[in-house]
Amino acid sequence: MTLKPSAGTGTELSWFKSSYSGDSDSNECLEVAPTPSTIHIRDSKNPDGPQLRLRPAAWADFVAYAAAEG
């Protein structure tokens, strides 16, 4: 998986979406903005909507689980 920068909403976060999300015009994906202490997650179709925030360890557990289930 590679990460592609996504258009932001004017915040200081740098949002990325997975290369698995399809073509570059697709907005049907989650976007992630990692920081040292928090992983921010949002729906690419609603960038101004609610965000999920996880600690890096919880994100790593989720990614490992999703990879095993995929």
Protein backbone atom coordinates (compact mmCIF):
# COMPACT_ATOMS: atom_id res chain seq x y z
CA MET A 1 0.00 0.00 0.00
CA THR A 2 1.19 3.49 -0.78
CA LEU A 3 -0.24 6.73 0.50
CA LYS A 4 -1.39 9.62 -1.64
CA PRO A 5 -1.79 13.15 -0.27
CA SER A 6 -5.37 14.34 -0.27
CA ALA A 7 -6.78 17.83 -0.45
CA GLY A 8 -7.05 19.22 3.02
CA THR A 9 -9.59 21.50 4.58
CA GLY A 10 -7.15 24.22 5.56
CA THR A 11 -6.04 22.52 8.76
CA GLU A 12 -2.47 21.82 9.77
CA LEU A 13 -3.00 18.07 9.31
CA SER A 14 -1.67 16.30 6.20
CA TRP A 15 -4.35 13.88 5.07
CA PHE A 16 -3.59 10.74 3.05
CA LYS A 17 -5.66 8.00 1.51
CA SER A 18 -4.61 4.53 0.50
CA SER A 19 -3.62 3.69 -3.05
CA TYR A 20 -6.13 0.83 -2.70
CA SER A 21 -8.97 3.37 -2.83
CA GLY A 22 -9.12 3.35 -6.61
CA ASP A 23 -8.46 6.11 -9.10
CA SER A 24 -7.27 9.51 -7.96
CA ASP A 25 -10.73 11.06 -8.46
CA SER A 26 -12.41 8.61 -6.09
CA ASN A 27 -13.66 9.98 -2.79
CA GLU A 28 -14.86 6.62 -1.47
CA CYS A 29 -12.16 6.05 1.09
CA LEU A 30 -11.05 6.83 4.57
CA GLU A 31 -8.32 9.41 4.92
CA VAL A 32 -5.66 9.33 7.62
CA ALA A 33 -3.56 12.13 9.10
CA PRO A 34 -0.90 10.74 11.43
CA THR A 35 0.75 12.84 14.13
CA PRO A 36 3.23 11.61 16.75
CA SER A 37 0.52 11.15 19.39
CA THR A 38 -2.72 10.66 17.42
CA ILE A 39 -3.96 9.08 14.21
CA HIS A 40 -6.80 11.17 12.76
CA ILE A 41 -9.32 9.38 10.52
CA ARG A 42 -12.11 10.88 8.42
CA ASP A 43 -14.49 10.01 5.60
CA SER A 44 -13.12 11.42 2.35
CA LYS A 45 -16.67 12.19 1.17
CA ASN A 46 -17.22 14.40 4.23
CA PRO A 47 -13.88 16.05 5.14
CA ASP A 48 -15.57 18.62 7.39
CA GLY A 49 -17.55 15.95 9.24
CA PRO A 50 -16.66 14.03 12.37
CA GLN A 51 -13.22 12.52 12.82
CA LEU A 52 -12.06 9.47 14.70
CA ARG A 53 -8.87 9.86 16.70
CA LEU A 54 -6.81 6.88 17.84
CA ARG A 55 -3.55 6.39 19.68
CA PRO A 56 -0.86 4.95 17.39
CA ALA A 57 -0.93 1.56 19.18
CA ALA A 58 -4.69 1.22 18.62
CA TRP A 59 -4.25 2.14 14.94
CA ALA A 60 -1.49 -0.46 14.56
CA ASP A 61 -3.77 -3.10 16.12
CA PHE A 62 -6.59 -2.14 13.74
CA VAL A 63 -4.37 -2.24 10.65
CA ALA A 64 -3.00 -5.66 11.64
CA TYR A 65 -6.54 -6.97 12.16
CA ALA A 66 -7.80 -5.51 8.86
CA ALA A 67 -4.85 -7.00 6.96
CA ALA A 68 -5.50 -10.44 8.46
CA GLU A 69 -9.21 -10.25 7.56
CA GLY A 70 -8.66 -8.81 4.07
